[in-house]
N, C-alpha and C. Protein backbone atom coordinates (compact mmCIF):
# COMPACT_ATOMS: atom_id res chain seq x y z
N UNK A 1 0.85 -1.17 0.00
CA UNK A 1 0.00 0.00 0.00
C UNK A 1 0.89 1.24 0.00
N UNK A 2 0.59 2.17 -0.87
CA UNK A 2 1.39 3.39 -0.97
C UNK A 2 1.17 4.26 0.26
N UNK A 3 2.26 4.80 0.74
CA UNK A 3 2.20 5.71 1.87
C UNK A 3 2.58 7.10 1.37
N UNK A 4 2.02 8.11 1.97
CA UNK A 4 2.33 9.48 1.59
C UNK A 4 3.29 10.08 2.61
N UNK A 5 4.35 10.72 2.11
CA UNK A 5 5.37 11.34 2.94
C UNK A 5 5.47 12.81 2.58
N UNK A 6 5.61 13.66 3.57
CA UNK A 6 5.94 15.05 3.31
C UNK A 6 7.40 15.10 2.92
N UNK A 7 7.76 16.02 2.06
CA UNK A 7 9.13 16.08 1.54
C UNK A 7 10.18 16.13 2.65
N UNK A 8 9.99 16.98 3.62
CA UNK A 8 10.98 17.10 4.70
C UNK A 8 11.12 15.78 5.46
N UNK A 9 9.99 15.12 5.72
CA UNK A 9 10.03 13.83 6.42
C UNK A 9 10.74 12.78 5.56
N UNK A 10 10.46 12.79 4.25
CA UNK A 10 11.10 11.83 3.34
C UNK A 10 12.61 12.05 3.29
N UNK A 11 13.04 13.31 3.30
CA UNK A 11 14.47 13.60 3.30
C UNK A 11 15.12 13.10 4.58
N UNK A 12 14.46 13.32 5.71
CA UNK A 12 15.02 12.90 6.99
C UNK A 12 15.03 11.38 7.16
N UNK A 13 14.11 10.71 6.49
CA UNK A 13 13.95 9.25 6.68
C UNK A 13 14.06 8.51 5.34
N UNK A 14 14.99 8.95 4.49
CA UNK A 14 15.10 8.40 3.15
C UNK A 14 15.28 6.89 3.16
N UNK A 15 16.10 6.38 4.04
CA UNK A 15 16.32 4.94 4.11
C UNK A 15 15.01 4.19 4.35
N UNK A 16 14.18 4.72 5.24
CA UNK A 16 12.90 4.09 5.52
C UNK A 16 11.95 4.20 4.32
N UNK A 17 11.99 5.32 3.63
CA UNK A 17 11.15 5.49 2.43
C UNK A 17 11.53 4.43 1.39
N UNK A 18 12.83 4.24 1.19
CA UNK A 18 13.30 3.24 0.22
C UNK A 18 12.89 1.84 0.66
N UNK A 19 13.07 1.52 1.94
CA UNK A 19 12.66 0.20 2.45
C UNK A 19 11.17 -0.04 2.23
N UNK A 20 10.37 0.99 2.48
CA UNK A 20 8.92 0.86 2.27
C UNK A 20 8.60 0.65 0.79
N UNK A 21 9.32 1.32 -0.08
CA UNK A 21 9.11 1.14 -1.53
C UNK A 21 9.45 -0.29 -1.95
N UNK A 22 10.48 -0.85 -1.35
CA UNK A 22 10.87 -2.21 -1.68
C UNK A 22 9.88 -3.25 -1.18
N UNK A 23 9.29 -3.01 0.00
CA UNK A 23 8.41 -4.02 0.59
C UNK A 23 6.93 -3.78 0.34
N UNK A 24 6.51 -2.52 0.27
CA UNK A 24 5.08 -2.23 0.18
C UNK A 24 4.66 -1.48 -1.09
N UNK A 25 5.58 -1.23 -1.99
CA UNK A 25 5.22 -0.57 -3.24
C UNK A 25 5.55 0.91 -3.24
N UNK A 26 5.16 1.61 -4.28
CA UNK A 26 5.52 3.01 -4.47
C UNK A 26 5.13 3.88 -3.28
N UNK A 27 6.00 4.86 -2.99
CA UNK A 27 5.80 5.79 -1.88
C UNK A 27 5.62 7.20 -2.47
N UNK A 28 4.57 7.87 -2.09
CA UNK A 28 4.25 9.19 -2.63
C UNK A 28 4.88 10.27 -1.77
N UNK A 29 5.51 11.24 -2.41
CA UNK A 29 6.11 12.36 -1.69
C UNK A 29 5.36 13.63 -2.08
N UNK A 30 4.99 14.42 -1.06
CA UNK A 30 4.25 15.65 -1.29
C UNK A 30 5.11 16.85 -0.91
N UNK A 31 4.85 17.95 -1.59
CA UNK A 31 5.47 19.23 -1.25
C UNK A 31 4.34 20.23 -1.12
N UNK A 32 4.22 20.83 0.05
CA UNK A 32 3.15 21.78 0.36
C UNK A 32 1.77 21.16 0.09
N UNK A 33 1.64 19.88 0.39
CA UNK A 33 0.37 19.19 0.26
C UNK A 33 0.04 18.70 -1.13
N UNK A 34 0.93 18.93 -2.09
CA UNK A 34 0.69 18.51 -3.48
C UNK A 34 1.59 17.32 -3.80
N UNK A 35 1.01 16.25 -4.35
CA UNK A 35 1.79 15.07 -4.72
C UNK A 35 2.76 15.46 -5.83
N UNK A 36 4.07 15.27 -5.58
CA UNK A 36 5.07 15.74 -6.53
C UNK A 36 6.02 14.67 -7.03
N UNK A 37 6.20 13.59 -6.28
CA UNK A 37 7.17 12.57 -6.68
C UNK A 37 6.77 11.22 -6.12
N UNK A 38 7.37 10.18 -6.70
CA UNK A 38 7.13 8.82 -6.23
C UNK A 38 8.47 8.11 -6.13
N UNK A 39 8.67 7.38 -5.06
CA UNK A 39 9.83 6.51 -4.90
C UNK A 39 9.33 5.09 -5.12
N UNK A 40 9.96 4.38 -6.06
CA UNK A 40 9.56 3.00 -6.29
C UNK A 40 10.79 2.14 -6.45
N UNK A 41 10.62 0.85 -6.28
CA UNK A 41 11.76 -0.06 -6.38
C UNK A 41 12.24 -0.11 -7.83
N UNK A 42 13.51 -0.47 -7.99
CA UNK A 42 14.07 -0.56 -9.34
C UNK A 42 13.35 -1.65 -10.14
N UNK A 43 12.98 -2.73 -9.50
CA UNK A 43 12.26 -3.80 -10.19
C UNK A 43 10.92 -3.29 -10.73
N UNK A 44 10.21 -2.49 -9.94
CA UNK A 44 8.94 -1.92 -10.38
C UNK A 44 9.16 -0.96 -11.54
N UNK A 45 10.22 -0.16 -11.45
CA UNK A 45 10.55 0.77 -12.53
C UNK A 45 10.82 0.01 -13.83
N UNK A 46 11.62 -1.06 -13.75
CA UNK A 46 11.92 -1.85 -14.95
C UNK A 46 10.65 -2.45 -15.54
N UNK A 47 9.77 -2.95 -14.70
CA UNK A 47 8.52 -3.53 -15.19
C UNK A 47 7.72 -2.48 -15.96
N UNK A 48 7.65 -1.27 -15.41
CA UNK A 48 6.91 -0.20 -16.08
C UNK A 48 7.60 0.24 -17.37
N UNK A 49 8.92 0.34 -17.35
CA UNK A 49 9.67 0.81 -18.51
C UNK A 49 9.60 -0.19 -19.66
N UNK A 50 9.64 -1.48 -19.35
CA UNK A 50 9.63 -2.50 -20.39
C UNK A 50 8.24 -2.69 -20.99
N UNK A 51 7.21 -2.26 -20.28
CA UNK A 51 5.86 -2.46 -20.80
C UNK A 51 5.45 -1.34 -21.75
N UNK A 52 6.32 -0.36 -21.95
CA UNK A 52 6.00 0.74 -22.85
C UNK A 52 6.03 0.27 -24.30
N UNK A 53 5.13 0.82 -25.10
CA UNK A 53 5.04 0.48 -26.51
C UNK A 53 5.38 1.73 -27.30
N UNK A 54 6.17 1.57 -28.35
CA UNK A 54 6.51 2.70 -29.21
C UNK A 54 5.28 3.25 -29.90
N UNK A 55 5.33 4.52 -30.26
CA UNK A 55 4.16 5.16 -30.85
C UNK A 55 3.80 4.55 -32.20
N UNK A 56 4.81 4.15 -32.98
CA UNK A 56 4.49 3.54 -34.28
C UNK A 56 3.79 2.20 -34.08
N UNK A 57 4.21 1.42 -33.09
CA UNK A 57 3.54 0.16 -32.79
C UNK A 57 2.13 0.41 -32.30
N UNK A 58 1.96 1.42 -31.45
CA UNK A 58 0.65 1.77 -30.94
C UNK A 58 -0.32 2.06 -32.09
N UNK A 59 0.10 2.88 -33.05
CA UNK A 59 -0.79 3.22 -34.16
C UNK A 59 -1.01 2.03 -35.10
N UNK A 60 0.04 1.23 -35.30
CA UNK A 60 -0.09 0.07 -36.18
C UNK A 60 -1.08 -0.95 -35.61
N UNK A 61 -1.11 -1.09 -34.27
CA UNK A 61 -1.98 -2.07 -33.64
C UNK A 61 -3.34 -1.49 -33.23
N UNK A 62 -3.56 -0.24 -33.51
CA UNK A 62 -4.80 0.42 -33.15
C UNK A 62 -5.97 -0.17 -33.94
N UNK A 63 -7.15 -0.27 -33.33
CA UNK A 63 -8.32 -0.74 -34.09
C UNK A 63 -8.70 0.21 -35.21
N UNK A 64 -8.21 1.43 -35.15
CA UNK A 64 -8.52 2.41 -36.20
C UNK A 64 -7.56 2.31 -37.38
N UNK A 65 -6.56 1.44 -37.31
CA UNK A 65 -5.57 1.33 -38.39
C UNK A 65 -6.23 0.95 -39.71
N UNK A 66 -7.22 0.07 -39.67
CA UNK A 66 -7.90 -0.33 -40.92
C UNK A 66 -8.65 0.85 -41.52
N UNK A 67 -9.19 1.72 -40.69
CA UNK A 67 -9.91 2.88 -41.20
C UNK A 67 -8.96 3.87 -41.87
N UNK A 68 -7.70 3.87 -41.51
CA UNK A 68 -6.72 4.79 -42.08
C UNK A 68 -6.50 4.51 -43.56
N UNK A 69 -6.73 3.28 -43.98
CA UNK A 69 -6.57 2.95 -45.40
C UNK A 69 -7.58 3.69 -46.27
N UNK A 70 -8.70 4.10 -45.70
CA UNK A 70 -9.74 4.79 -46.44
C UNK A 70 -9.54 6.30 -46.50
N UNK A 71 -8.52 6.81 -45.82
CA UNK A 71 -8.28 8.24 -45.81
C UNK A 71 -7.69 8.70 -47.14
N UNK A 72 -8.18 9.83 -47.62
CA UNK A 72 -7.63 10.42 -48.83
C UNK A 72 -6.60 11.46 -48.41
N UNK A 73 -5.34 11.14 -48.62
CA UNK A 73 -4.27 12.03 -48.20
C UNK A 73 -3.66 12.81 -49.36
N UNK A 74 -4.36 12.83 -50.50
CA UNK A 74 -3.87 13.58 -51.66
C UNK A 74 -3.96 15.07 -51.39
N UNK A 75 -2.98 15.80 -51.87
CA UNK A 75 -2.93 17.25 -51.66
C UNK A 75 -3.91 17.93 -52.60
N UNK A 76 -4.59 18.94 -52.10
CA UNK A 76 -5.54 19.72 -52.89
C UNK A 76 -4.77 20.50 -53.95
N UNK A 77 -5.13 20.33 -55.22
CA UNK A 77 -4.40 20.99 -56.31
C UNK A 77 -5.10 22.25 -56.81
N UNK A 78 -6.15 22.69 -56.14
CA UNK A 78 -6.83 23.91 -56.58
C UNK A 78 -5.93 25.12 -56.31
N UNK A 79 -6.09 26.19 -57.13
CA UNK A 79 -5.23 27.35 -56.96
C UNK A 79 -5.47 28.03 -55.60
N UNK A 80 -4.46 28.76 -55.12
CA UNK A 80 -4.64 29.44 -53.84
C UNK A 80 -5.68 30.54 -53.92
N UNK A 81 -6.18 30.94 -52.78
CA UNK A 81 -7.18 32.01 -52.74
C UNK A 81 -6.51 33.32 -53.16
N UNK A 82 -7.29 34.21 -53.77
CA UNK A 82 -6.71 35.51 -54.13
C UNK A 82 -6.45 36.34 -52.86
N UNK A 83 -5.49 37.27 -52.97
CA UNK A 83 -5.18 38.13 -51.85
C UNK A 83 -6.38 39.00 -51.50
N UNK A 84 -6.53 39.29 -50.25
CA UNK A 84 -7.62 40.14 -49.78
C UNK A 84 -7.04 41.49 -49.42
N UNK A 85 -7.61 42.54 -50.00
CA UNK A 85 -7.15 43.89 -49.67
C UNK A 85 -7.68 44.29 -48.32
N UNK A 86 -6.82 44.72 -47.46
CA UNK A 86 -7.23 45.15 -46.14
C UNK A 86 -7.18 46.63 -46.00
């Protein structure tokens, strides 16, 4: 279970914050009552980092990928609009 630490308390008890992250999961650190950082174990970080998918893979595997084949991406060849006198 994530525990919330005030920044000053986390600085004073960093070793305990790290131990809690290793045994009980991510630890939330607040500054002036606003959640600003998280301490998590390296194993948890690796799990999150390895589960990331590249943007090209994301779009290629999207259910909307088949609909993209129907898009008309040809450039409009009509002449530009005439200048407007201001």
